[in-house]
């Protein structure tokens, strides 16, 4: 069985990455402050240019650090969502099986649920109905209400 991901216990970033990227961002911010301080004290434009270039470099360094920090988080979250997708695809419903489900000859281990306002029929284990007040829907009731199968949990 696949290992479940607990988003409330895990962070996308390792502690070492957070410290390193935080230190680099802090250095960029300190460098920006130093450049601003010395830039503001120079009356001549030609004397301000090196400090302006330094300030722009510090901003670019901070931007690259933050972009890398976000990339790490996106990759980790994407890996977790891929695991979730694999868990949802444990059992595939092909068109022949969908006809059996709607006609009433469904397997005993598959339970379909919906709310009164839903237009889709979900498995009871579907993440899209977690935490919602749902009721078990029979095949006859699903056909009468015109419910279609959920695309996430019935792949």
Protein backbone atom coordinates (compact mmCIF):
# COMPACT_ATOMS: atom_id res chain seq x y z
CA UNK A 1 0.00 0.00 0.00
CA UNK A 2 1.26 3.48 -0.83
CA UNK A 3 2.45 5.69 2.00
CA UNK A 4 0.13 8.61 2.65
CA UNK A 5 1.45 12.15 2.74
CA UNK A 6 0.54 14.24 5.79
CA UNK A 7 0.75 17.86 4.74
CA UNK A 8 0.28 19.19 8.25
CA UNK A 9 3.41 17.39 9.53
CA UNK A 10 5.79 18.04 6.64
CA UNK A 11 7.37 21.14 5.22
CA UNK A 12 8.55 21.34 1.63
CA UNK A 13 11.95 22.68 2.69
CA UNK A 14 14.64 20.98 4.69
CA UNK A 15 16.02 22.91 7.64
CA UNK A 16 19.48 23.22 6.02
CA UNK A 17 17.95 24.68 2.83
CA UNK A 18 15.91 27.17 4.82
CA UNK A 19 18.94 28.34 6.79
CA UNK A 20 21.18 28.63 3.71
CA UNK A 21 18.64 30.44 1.56
CA UNK A 22 17.62 32.67 4.48
CA UNK A 23 21.25 33.63 5.08
CA UNK A 24 21.76 34.43 1.38
CA UNK A 25 18.59 36.54 1.31
CA UNK A 26 19.72 38.35 4.49
CA UNK A 27 23.13 39.05 2.92
CA UNK A 28 21.40 40.46 -0.16
CA UNK A 29 19.22 42.66 2.04
CA UNK A 30 22.21 43.87 4.07
CA UNK A 31 24.10 44.57 0.85
CA UNK A 32 21.14 46.53 -0.46
CA UNK A 33 21.07 48.60 2.73
CA UNK A 34 24.83 49.28 2.54
CA UNK A 35 24.56 50.30 -1.12
CA UNK A 36 21.63 52.59 -0.35
CA UNK A 37 23.51 54.21 2.52
CA UNK A 38 26.63 54.97 0.48
CA UNK A 39 24.63 55.85 -2.64
CA UNK A 40 22.68 58.50 -0.76
CA UNK A 41 25.89 60.16 0.45
CA UNK A 42 27.39 60.67 -3.03
CA UNK A 43 26.49 63.99 -4.63
CA UNK A 44 27.98 63.29 -8.07
CA UNK A 45 26.22 60.91 -10.46
CA UNK A 46 29.45 59.20 -11.58
CA UNK A 47 30.20 58.34 -7.94
CA UNK A 48 26.69 56.90 -7.44
CA UNK A 49 26.86 54.43 -10.37
CA UNK A 50 29.00 51.74 -8.62
CA UNK A 51 26.67 51.76 -5.61
CA UNK A 52 23.63 51.60 -7.89
CA UNK A 53 25.12 48.60 -9.71
CA UNK A 54 25.81 46.98 -6.33
CA UNK A 55 22.21 47.58 -5.22
CA UNK A 56 20.83 46.10 -8.45
CA UNK A 57 23.11 43.08 -8.00
CA UNK A 58 21.85 42.59 -4.44
CA UNK A 59 18.22 42.73 -5.63
CA UNK A 60 18.99 40.17 -8.35
CA UNK A 61 20.69 37.87 -5.83
CA UNK A 62 17.66 38.08 -3.52
CA UNK A 63 15.33 37.39 -6.47
CA UNK A 64 17.30 34.29 -7.51
CA UNK A 65 17.36 33.04 -3.90
CA UNK A 66 13.59 33.49 -3.52
CA UNK A 67 12.89 31.89 -6.91
CA UNK A 68 15.01 28.87 -5.94
CA UNK A 69 13.23 28.67 -2.57
CA UNK A 70 9.85 28.63 -4.34
CA UNK A 71 11.08 26.07 -6.89
CA UNK A 72 12.08 23.70 -4.09
CA UNK A 73 8.62 24.08 -2.53
CA UNK A 74 6.80 23.57 -5.84
CA UNK A 75 8.82 20.43 -6.60
CA UNK A 76 8.09 18.96 -3.18
CA UNK A 77 4.37 19.76 -3.38
CA UNK A 78 4.23 18.36 -6.92
CA UNK A 79 5.84 15.13 -5.72
CA UNK A 80 3.23 14.90 -2.96
CA UNK A 81 0.38 15.53 -5.37
CA UNK A 82 1.77 12.84 -7.69
CA UNK A 83 1.65 10.41 -4.78
CA UNK A 84 -1.94 11.46 -4.11
CA UNK A 85 -2.84 10.93 -7.77
CA UNK A 86 -1.36 7.45 -7.66
CA UNK A 87 -3.42 6.63 -4.59
CA UNK A 88 -6.55 7.86 -6.39
CA UNK A 89 -5.78 5.67 -9.41
CA UNK A 90 -5.62 2.41 -7.46
CA UNK A 91 -8.51 1.02 -9.41
CA UNK A 92 -9.43 2.07 -12.94
CA UNK A 93 -13.00 2.26 -14.19
CA UNK A 94 -13.22 1.43 -17.87
CA UNK A 95 -16.35 2.29 -19.92
CA UNK A 96 -17.74 -1.27 -19.60
CA UNK A 97 -17.47 -1.13 -15.82
CA UNK A 98 -19.07 2.34 -15.75
CA UNK A 99 -22.11 0.86 -17.50
CA UNK A 100 -22.33 -1.83 -14.82
CA UNK A 101 -22.09 0.77 -12.04
CA UNK A 102 -24.89 2.94 -13.41
CA UNK A 103 -27.08 -0.08 -14.18
CA UNK A 104 -26.86 -1.27 -10.57
CA UNK A 105 -24.48 -4.23 -10.84
CA UNK A 106 -21.62 -2.63 -8.96
CA UNK A 107 -18.99 -4.39 -6.92
CA UNK A 108 -19.76 -4.62 -3.21
CA UNK A 109 -16.48 -2.96 -2.19
CA UNK A 110 -17.16 0.26 -4.14
CA UNK A 111 -19.44 2.79 -2.44
CA UNK A 112 -20.52 5.91 -4.31
CA UNK A 113 -21.56 9.11 -2.55
CA UNK A 114 -22.78 12.60 -3.42
CA UNK A 115 -24.47 15.61 -1.88
CA UNK A 116 -27.79 17.02 -3.02
CA UNK A 117 -26.07 19.77 -5.03
CA UNK A 118 -23.35 17.64 -6.67
CA UNK A 119 -23.41 16.71 -10.34
CA UNK A 120 -20.72 14.04 -9.96
CA UNK A 121 -20.74 10.63 -8.34
CA UNK A 122 -17.71 10.10 -6.07
CA UNK A 123 -16.22 7.10 -4.35
CA UNK A 124 -16.48 7.34 -0.59
CA UNK A 125 -12.67 7.56 -0.44
CA UNK A 126 -12.45 10.49 -2.90
CA UNK A 127 -10.44 13.47 -1.61
CA UNK A 128 -12.96 15.86 -3.19
CA UNK A 129 -15.72 14.81 -0.77
CA UNK A 130 -13.55 14.57 2.34
CA UNK A 131 -15.06 16.67 5.12
CA UNK A 132 -18.41 17.16 3.35
CA UNK A 133 -21.79 15.84 4.39
CA UNK A 134 -22.44 13.14 1.78
CA UNK A 135 -24.89 10.30 1.48
CA UNK A 136 -24.61 6.95 -0.25
CA UNK A 137 -26.18 7.04 -3.70
CA UNK A 138 -27.72 3.97 -5.30
CA UNK A 139 -27.28 3.27 -9.00
CA UNK A 140 -30.98 3.98 -9.64
CA UNK A 141 -30.80 7.30 -7.79
CA UNK A 142 -27.60 8.24 -9.67
CA UNK A 143 -29.22 7.50 -13.00
CA UNK A 144 -32.38 9.43 -12.05
CA UNK A 145 -30.37 12.49 -10.96
CA UNK A 146 -28.11 12.29 -14.04
CA UNK A 147 -24.94 12.04 -11.99
CA UNK A 148 -21.71 11.43 -13.88
CA UNK A 149 -18.66 9.72 -12.42
CA UNK A 150 -15.97 11.90 -10.85
CA UNK A 151 -12.92 12.32 -13.06
CA UNK A 152 -10.50 12.27 -10.12
CA UNK A 153 -11.48 9.15 -8.21
CA UNK A 154 -12.91 7.07 -11.08
CA UNK A 155 -10.00 7.00 -13.51
